[in-house]
Amino acid sequence: MEQPVQPSACPDCHALTDDLTAHERWHSRLVHDIAVAVDQENRRRDAAQSR
């Protein structure tokens, strides 16, 4: 008899998920998008201060 698949706990947000790999990709994409947005904002501010 097969054991039922138990949801795994997300180490970052403690959410339960049936597909931890997909959830980890979501986290990676979120962190990437935030880093890009922060970088763009910093560049915008630097350009505004240079004027």
PDB file of N, CA and C in Angstrom:
ATOM      1  N   MET A   1       0.855  -1.184   0.000  1.00  0.00           N
ATOM      2  CA  MET A   1       0.000   0.000   0.000  1.00  0.00           C
ATOM      3  C   MET A   1       0.891   1.234   0.000  1.00  0.00           C
ATOM      4  N   GLU A   2       0.596   2.187  -0.874  1.00  0.00           N
ATOM      5  CA  GLU A   2       1.390   3.410  -0.978  1.00  0.00           C
ATOM      6  C   GLU A   2       1.008   4.389   0.120  1.00  0.00           C
ATOM      7  N   GLN A   3       2.014   5.123   0.568  1.00  0.00           N
ATOM      8  CA  GLN A   3       1.774   6.170   1.549  1.00  0.00           C
ATOM      9  C   GLN A   3       1.237   7.402   0.834  1.00  0.00           C
ATOM     10  N   PRO A   4       0.234   8.075   1.378  1.00  0.00           N
ATOM     11  CA  PRO A   4      -0.241   9.308   0.751  1.00  0.00           C
ATOM     12  C   PRO A   4       0.854  10.381   0.818  1.00  0.00           C
ATOM     13  N   VAL A   5       0.895  11.219  -0.199  1.00  0.00           N
ATOM     14  CA  VAL A   5       1.876  12.303  -0.231  1.00  0.00           C
ATOM     15  C   VAL A   5       1.426  13.380   0.741  1.00  0.00           C
ATOM     16  N   GLN A   6       2.309  13.710   1.667  1.00  0.00           N
ATOM     17  CA  GLN A   6       2.003  14.751   2.641  1.00  0.00           C
ATOM     18  C   GLN A   6       2.474  16.090   2.101  1.00  0.00           C
ATOM     19  N   PRO A   7       1.701  17.134   2.283  1.00  0.00           N
ATOM     20  CA  PRO A   7       2.174  18.452   1.862  1.00  0.00           C
ATOM     21  C   PRO A   7       3.442  18.831   2.617  1.00  0.00           C
ATOM     22  N   SER A   8       4.321  19.540   1.946  1.00  0.00           N
ATOM     23  CA  SER A   8       5.563  19.987   2.571  1.00  0.00           C
ATOM     24  C   SER A   8       5.393  21.406   3.080  1.00  0.00           C
ATOM     25  N   ALA A   9       6.097  21.714   4.135  1.00  0.00           N
ATOM     26  CA  ALA A   9       6.050  23.074   4.673  1.00  0.00           C
ATOM     27  C   ALA A   9       7.058  23.938   3.937  1.00  0.00           C
ATOM     28  N   CYS A  10       6.645  25.095   3.525  1.00  0.00           N
ATOM     29  CA  CYS A  10       7.544  26.052   2.888  1.00  0.00           C
ATOM     30  C   CYS A  10       8.471  26.618   3.967  1.00  0.00           C
ATOM     31  N   PRO A  11       9.792  26.535   3.782  1.00  0.00           N
ATOM     32  CA  PRO A  11      10.693  27.022   4.822  1.00  0.00           C
ATOM     33  C   PRO A  11      10.670  28.542   4.994  1.00  0.00           C
ATOM     34  N   ASP A  12      10.217  29.268   3.974  1.00  0.00           N
ATOM     35  CA  ASP A  12      10.207  30.729   4.060  1.00  0.00           C
ATOM     36  C   ASP A  12       8.953  31.280   4.711  1.00  0.00           C
ATOM     37  N   CYS A  13       7.801  30.749   4.350  1.00  0.00           N
ATOM     38  CA  CYS A  13       6.561  31.343   4.855  1.00  0.00           C
ATOM     39  C   CYS A  13       5.735  30.372   5.689  1.00  0.00           C
ATOM     40  N   HIS A  14       6.223  29.159   5.868  1.00  0.00           N
ATOM     41  CA  HIS A  14       5.552  28.140   6.657  1.00  0.00           C
ATOM     42  C   HIS A  14       4.207  27.741   6.075  1.00  0.00           C
ATOM     43  N   ALA A  15       4.004  28.034   4.777  1.00  0.00           N
ATOM     44  CA  ALA A  15       2.775  27.624   4.104  1.00  0.00           C
ATOM     45  C   ALA A  15       2.880  26.143   3.750  1.00  0.00           C
ATOM     46  N   LEU A  16       1.773  25.466   3.739  1.00  0.00           N
ATOM     47  CA  LEU A  16       1.753  24.085   3.286  1.00  0.00           C
ATOM     48  C   LEU A  16       1.468  24.078   1.793  1.00  0.00           C
ATOM     49  N   THR A  17       2.197  23.244   1.083  1.00  0.00           N
ATOM     50  CA  THR A  17       2.005  23.193  -0.357  1.00  0.00           C
ATOM     51  C   THR A  17       2.185  21.770  -0.843  1.00  0.00           C
ATOM     52  N   ASP A  18       1.387  21.374  -1.799  1.00  0.00           N
ATOM     53  CA  ASP A  18       1.507  20.039  -2.388  1.00  0.00           C
ATOM     54  C   ASP A  18       2.668  19.983  -3.368  1.00  0.00           C
ATOM     55  N   ASP A  19       3.044  21.124  -3.925  1.00  0.00           N
ATOM     56  CA  ASP A  19       4.118  21.165  -4.920  1.00  0.00           C
ATOM     57  C   ASP A  19       5.191  22.141  -4.439  1.00  0.00           C
ATOM     58  N   LEU A  20       6.074  21.657  -3.572  1.00  0.00           N
ATOM     59  CA  LEU A  20       7.082  22.526  -2.973  1.00  0.00           C
ATOM     60  C   LEU A  20       8.030  23.094  -4.025  1.00  0.00           C
ATOM     61  N   THR A  21       8.347  22.321  -5.055  1.00  0.00           N
ATOM     62  CA  THR A  21       9.240  22.802  -6.108  1.00  0.00           C
ATOM     63  C   THR A  21       8.641  24.015  -6.811  1.00  0.00           C
ATOM     64  N   ALA A  22       7.377  23.960  -7.160  1.00  0.00           N
ATOM     65  CA  ALA A  22       6.717  25.094  -7.805  1.00  0.00           C
ATOM     66  C   ALA A  22       6.651  26.283  -6.857  1.00  0.00           C
ATOM     67  N   HIS A  23       6.422  26.021  -5.586  1.00  0.00           N
ATOM     68  CA  HIS A  23       6.347  27.094  -4.589  1.00  0.00           C
ATOM     69  C   HIS A  23       7.711  27.773  -4.433  1.00  0.00           C
ATOM     70  N   GLU A  24       8.785  26.973  -4.468  1.00  0.00           N
ATOM     71  CA  GLU A  24      10.131  27.544  -4.386  1.00  0.00           C
ATOM     72  C   GLU A  24      10.434  28.401  -5.606  1.00  0.00           C
ATOM     73  N   ARG A  25       9.985  27.979  -6.790  1.00  0.00           N
ATOM     74  CA  ARG A  25      10.171  28.801  -7.999  1.00  0.00           C
ATOM     75  C   ARG A  25       9.416  30.120  -7.855  1.00  0.00           C
ATOM     76  N   TRP A  26       8.222  30.069  -7.272  1.00  0.00           N
ATOM     77  CA  TRP A  26       7.435  31.285  -7.059  1.00  0.00           C
ATOM     78  C   TRP A  26       8.197  32.244  -6.138  1.00  0.00           C
ATOM     79  N   HIS A  27       8.766  31.707  -5.057  1.00  0.00           N
ATOM     80  CA  HIS A  27       9.549  32.540  -4.139  1.00  0.00           C
ATOM     81  C   HIS A  27      10.751  33.153  -4.852  1.00  0.00           C
ATOM     82  N   SER A  28      11.443  32.360  -5.639  1.00  0.00           N
ATOM     83  CA  SER A  28      12.620  32.865  -6.360  1.00  0.00           C
ATOM     84  C   SER A  28      12.231  33.987  -7.304  1.00  0.00           C
ATOM     85  N   ARG A  29      11.125  33.815  -8.011  1.00  0.00           N
ATOM     86  CA  ARG A  29      10.667  34.851  -8.941  1.00  0.00           C
ATOM     87  C   ARG A  29      10.274  36.114  -8.176  1.00  0.00           C
ATOM     88  N   LEU A  30       9.613  35.961  -7.048  1.00  0.00           N
ATOM     89  CA  LEU A  30       9.209  37.109  -6.238  1.00  0.00           C
ATOM     90  C   LEU A  30      10.428  37.895  -5.767  1.00  0.00           C
ATOM     91  N   VAL A  31      11.435  37.196  -5.247  1.00  0.00           N
ATOM     92  CA  VAL A  31      12.654  37.859  -4.780  1.00  0.00           C
ATOM     93  C   VAL A  31      13.350  38.563  -5.941  1.00  0.00           C
ATOM     94  N   HIS A  32      13.402  37.917  -7.101  1.00  0.00           N
ATOM     95  CA  HIS A  32      14.026  38.527  -8.283  1.00  0.00           C
ATOM     96  C   HIS A  32      13.295  39.803  -8.677  1.00  0.00           C
ATOM     97  N   ASP A  33      11.967  39.736  -8.747  1.00  0.00           N
ATOM     98  CA  ASP A  33      11.182  40.905  -9.144  1.00  0.00           C
ATOM     99  C   ASP A  33      11.357  42.059  -8.166  1.00  0.00           C
ATOM    100  N   ILE A  34      11.429  41.761  -6.871  1.00  0.00           N
ATOM    101  CA  ILE A  34      11.647  42.814  -5.871  1.00  0.00           C
ATOM    102  C   ILE A  34      13.030  43.430  -6.048  1.00  0.00           C
ATOM    103  N   ALA A  35      14.047  42.597  -6.279  1.00  0.00           N
ATOM    104  CA  ALA A  35      15.410  43.104  -6.471  1.00  0.00           C
ATOM    105  C   ALA A  35      15.488  44.010  -7.694  1.00  0.00           C
ATOM    106  N   VAL A  36      14.833  43.639  -8.778  1.00  0.00           N
ATOM    107  CA  VAL A  36      14.828  44.467  -9.990  1.00  0.00           C
ATOM    108  C   VAL A  36      14.134  45.795  -9.711  1.00  0.00           C
ATOM    109  N   ALA A  37      13.013  45.762  -9.022  1.00  0.00           N
ATOM    110  CA  ALA A  37      12.269  46.991  -8.718  1.00  0.00           C
ATOM    111  C   ALA A  37      13.099  47.922  -7.826  1.00  0.00           C
ATOM    112  N   VAL A  38      13.790  47.375  -6.845  1.00  0.00           N
ATOM    113  CA  VAL A  38      14.626  48.199  -5.959  1.00  0.00           C
ATOM    114  C   VAL A  38      15.773  48.816  -6.749  1.00  0.00           C
ATOM    115  N   ASP A  39      16.396  48.032  -7.609  1.00  0.00           N
ATOM    116  CA  ASP A  39      17.493  48.533  -8.434  1.00  0.00           C
ATOM    117  C   ASP A  39      17.018  49.672  -9.341  1.00  0.00           C
ATOM    118  N   GLN A  40      15.872  49.490  -9.964  1.00  0.00           N
ATOM    119  CA  GLN A  40      15.333  50.541 -10.836  1.00  0.00           C
ATOM    120  C   GLN A  40      15.016  51.813 -10.048  1.00  0.00           C
ATOM    121  N   GLU A  41      14.459  51.666  -8.877  1.00  0.00           N
ATOM    122  CA  GLU A  41      14.132  52.839  -8.048  1.00  0.00           C
ATOM    123  C   GLU A  41      15.405  53.554  -7.609  1.00  0.00           C
ATOM    124  N   ASN A  42      16.438  52.791  -7.236  1.00  0.00           N
ATOM    125  CA  ASN A  42      17.703  53.412  -6.845  1.00  0.00           C
ATOM    126  C   ASN A  42      18.321  54.180  -8.002  1.00  0.00           C
ATOM    127  N   ARG A  43      18.278  53.619  -9.184  1.00  0.00           N
ATOM    128  CA  ARG A  43      18.819  54.307 -10.367  1.00  0.00           C
ATOM    129  C   ARG A  43      18.026  55.574 -10.674  1.00  0.00           C
ATOM    130  N   ARG A  44      16.696  55.492 -10.517  1.00  0.00           N
ATOM    131  CA  ARG A  44      15.850  56.666 -10.771  1.00  0.00           C
ATOM    132  C   ARG A  44      16.190  57.773  -9.781  1.00  0.00           C
ATOM    133  N   ARG A  45      16.356  57.424  -8.524  1.00  0.00           N
ATOM    134  CA  ARG A  45      16.678  58.418  -7.502  1.00  0.00           C
ATOM    135  C   ARG A  45      18.059  59.022  -7.733  1.00  0.00           C
ATOM    136  N   ASP A  46      19.031  58.184  -8.099  1.00  0.00           N
ATOM    137  CA  ASP A  46      20.382  58.682  -8.379  1.00  0.00           C
ATOM    138  C   ASP A  46      20.360  59.659  -9.554  1.00  0.00           C
ATOM    139  N   ALA A  47      19.585  59.345 -10.585  1.00  0.00           N
ATOM    140  CA  ALA A  47      19.490  60.221 -11.746  1.00  0.00           C
ATOM    141  C   ALA A  47      18.826  61.548 -11.372  1.00  0.00           C
ATOM    142  N   ALA A  48      17.830  61.496 -10.512  1.00  0.00           N
ATOM    143  CA  ALA A  48      17.118  62.720 -10.093  1.00  0.00           C
ATOM    144  C   ALA A  48      18.035  63.605  -9.234  1.00  0.00           C
ATOM    145  N   GLN A  49      18.876  62.996  -8.428  1.00  0.00           N
ATOM    146  CA  GLN A  49      19.780  63.783  -7.567  1.00  0.00           C
ATOM    147  C   GLN A  49      20.926  64.390  -8.372  1.00  0.00           C
ATOM    148  N   SER A  50      21.263  63.806  -9.489  1.00  0.00           N
ATOM    149  CA  SER A  50      22.376  64.306 -10.316  1.00  0.00           C
ATOM    150  C   SER A  50      22.025  65.559 -11.079  1.00  0.00           C
ATOM    151  N   ARG A  51      20.773  65.881 -11.158  1.00  0.00           N
ATOM    152  CA  ARG A  51      20.333  67.047 -11.936  1.00  0.00           C
ATOM    153  C   ARG A  51      20.616  68.321 -11.224  1.00  0.00           C
TER     154      ARG A  51
END
